[in-house]
Protein backbone atom coordinates (compact mmCIF):
# COMPACT_ATOMS: atom_id res chain seq x y z
CA MET A 1 -31.69 -9.64 -26.57
CA PRO A 2 -27.84 -9.01 -26.60
CA ILE A 3 -25.53 -10.42 -23.68
CA ARG A 4 -25.62 -7.87 -20.89
CA ILE A 5 -23.87 -7.51 -17.40
CA THR A 6 -26.39 -8.70 -14.37
CA VAL A 7 -24.01 -9.28 -11.80
CA THR A 8 -20.65 -8.36 -11.37
CA SER A 9 -18.28 -9.01 -7.97
CA VAL A 10 -15.29 -7.37 -5.90
CA LEU A 11 -13.82 -9.84 -3.94
CA VAL A 12 -14.24 -8.45 -0.06
CA ASP A 13 -12.67 -9.79 3.39
CA GLU A 14 -15.72 -9.04 5.43
CA GLN A 15 -19.00 -8.91 3.69
CA GLU A 16 -21.03 -6.73 6.70
CA LYS A 17 -17.77 -4.50 6.74
CA ALA A 18 -18.07 -4.73 3.11
CA LEU A 19 -21.93 -3.95 2.97
CA THR A 20 -21.38 -0.85 5.19
CA PHE A 21 -18.46 0.12 3.41
CA TYR A 22 -20.71 0.11 0.20
CA THR A 23 -23.97 1.53 1.58
CA ASP A 24 -23.12 4.01 3.70
CA VAL A 25 -19.99 5.52 2.20
CA LEU A 26 -20.35 4.59 -1.14
CA GLY A 27 -23.94 5.05 -1.38
CA PHE A 28 -25.26 2.08 -3.12
CA VAL A 29 -28.28 0.28 -1.66
CA LYS A 30 -28.48 -3.54 -0.93
CA LYS A 31 -30.54 -5.61 -2.91
CA THR A 32 -30.13 -9.27 -2.15
CA ASP A 33 -29.45 -10.66 0.90
CA VAL A 34 -29.58 -14.50 0.93
CA PRO A 35 -27.94 -16.94 3.19
CA VAL A 36 -25.97 -19.79 1.12
CA GLY A 37 -23.54 -21.84 3.64
CA GLU A 38 -21.06 -19.86 5.73
CA ALA A 39 -21.81 -16.74 3.54
CA ARG A 40 -24.34 -14.90 2.07
CA TRP A 41 -25.25 -13.51 -1.80
CA LEU A 42 -25.09 -10.34 -0.78
CA THR A 43 -25.76 -7.71 -3.32
CA VAL A 44 -26.15 -3.95 -4.34
CA VAL A 45 -27.14 -2.17 -6.42
CA SER A 46 -26.97 2.04 -7.61
CA PRO A 47 -29.89 3.85 -6.31
CA ALA A 48 -29.75 5.54 -9.70
CA ASP A 49 -31.28 1.95 -11.08
CA ARG A 50 -32.67 -0.58 -8.59
CA ASP A 51 -32.68 -2.90 -11.16
CA GLY A 52 -29.22 -2.27 -13.25
CA THR A 53 -26.51 -4.38 -12.24
CA GLU A 54 -25.73 -5.54 -9.50
CA LEU A 55 -22.33 -5.71 -7.68
CA LEU A 56 -22.33 -8.84 -5.64
CA LEU A 57 -19.95 -8.80 -2.12
CA GLU A 58 -17.85 -11.92 -2.54
CA PRO A 59 -15.86 -13.52 0.29
CA ASP A 60 -12.16 -13.73 -0.71
CA TRP A 61 -11.78 -16.44 1.67
CA GLY A 62 -13.95 -19.58 -0.72
CA HIS A 63 -10.34 -19.80 -2.74
CA PRO A 64 -6.91 -20.40 -1.67
CA ALA A 65 -5.72 -17.83 -5.15
CA ALA A 66 -7.91 -14.73 -3.88
CA LYS A 67 -6.57 -13.12 -1.19
CA PRO A 68 -3.35 -13.60 -3.05
CA PHE A 69 -4.59 -12.02 -6.18
CA LYS A 70 -5.94 -8.94 -4.49
CA ALA A 71 -2.87 -8.18 -2.63
CA ALA A 72 -1.19 -8.50 -5.88
CA LEU A 73 -3.21 -5.51 -7.39
CA VAL A 74 -3.17 -3.11 -4.40
CA GLU A 75 0.95 -3.88 -4.28
CA ASP A 76 0.97 -3.15 -8.31
CA GLY A 77 -1.77 -0.19 -7.51
CA MET A 78 -4.22 -1.92 -10.07
CA PRO A 79 -7.60 -0.82 -9.48
CA TYR A 80 -9.79 -4.24 -9.09
CA THR A 81 -12.95 -2.38 -10.41
CA SER A 82 -14.51 1.23 -11.53
CA PHE A 83 -17.34 2.84 -11.15
CA GLY A 84 -18.88 5.82 -13.05
CA VAL A 85 -19.21 9.12 -11.11
CA ASP A 86 -20.92 12.60 -12.82
CA ASP A 87 -18.01 14.51 -11.24
CA VAL A 88 -15.04 12.62 -10.17
CA GLN A 89 -13.79 15.99 -8.17
CA ARG A 90 -16.71 16.19 -6.19
CA GLU A 91 -16.96 12.49 -5.38
CA TYR A 92 -13.59 12.67 -4.27
CA GLU A 93 -13.55 15.47 -1.74
CA ARG A 94 -17.22 13.96 -0.49
CA LEU A 95 -15.35 10.68 0.00
CA LYS A 96 -12.39 12.32 2.18
CA GLY A 97 -14.90 14.28 3.96
CA LEU A 98 -15.90 10.59 4.82
CA GLY A 99 -12.59 9.78 5.66
CA VAL A 100 -11.83 7.31 2.42
CA GLN A 101 -8.26 6.92 1.80
CA PHE A 102 -7.12 7.56 -1.94
CA THR A 103 -4.52 6.19 -3.62
CA GLN A 104 -4.73 8.27 -6.43
CA ALA A 105 -6.22 12.22 -6.30
CA PRO A 106 -8.36 12.79 -9.32
CA THR A 107 -6.32 12.64 -12.25
CA ASP A 108 -6.66 13.89 -16.08
CA MET A 109 -6.35 11.32 -18.50
CA GLY A 110 -7.70 12.37 -21.43
CA PRO A 111 -10.71 11.58 -22.24
CA VAL A 112 -11.83 10.56 -18.83
CA THR A 113 -10.70 11.96 -14.68
CA THR A 114 -10.39 8.78 -12.47
CA ALA A 115 -9.76 8.82 -8.92
CA VAL A 116 -8.88 5.46 -7.01
CA LEU A 117 -9.92 4.74 -3.72
CA ASP A 118 -9.46 1.71 -1.05
CA ASP A 119 -12.26 0.16 -0.04
CA THR A 120 -11.16 -0.87 3.36
CA CYS A 121 -11.94 -4.43 2.22
CA GLY A 122 -8.80 -5.23 0.42
CA ASN A 123 -9.14 -3.43 -2.95
CA LEU A 124 -8.33 -0.33 -4.65
CA ILE A 125 -11.65 0.84 -6.64
CA GLN A 126 -11.36 3.34 -9.41
CA ILE A 127 -14.02 6.12 -9.76
CA THR A 128 -14.32 7.37 -13.55
CA ALA A 129 -16.10 10.42 -15.04
CA MET A 130 -16.31 11.21 -19.32
CA LYS A 131 -15.33 14.41 -20.23
């Protein structure tokens, strides 16, 4: 079997706040929640692929470079990661209706349309749809 991505992560300032945003707002579902010292191994997955790639909501206080790294990305307007959607405009409207703040409205980028949102946990997240 070829190498594949099973878990990827996003650095978050508070795991419980991140879990609420990533599940209640973005629509992911909680997969794993295991205490690990002061933190948790806390993952979410797409409801369309519950056995697919897990997103680890990784605390950013565990390493001194994490917060400055995140802040520099935000200052430069760089998304930390990207999630695929079927229709960026529709998802943008849905999320705006839930109070999500965007730093980039849906934008035609040639073969894809993208938008960038603030995840309330210190990250910019891009949503993307192939044309």
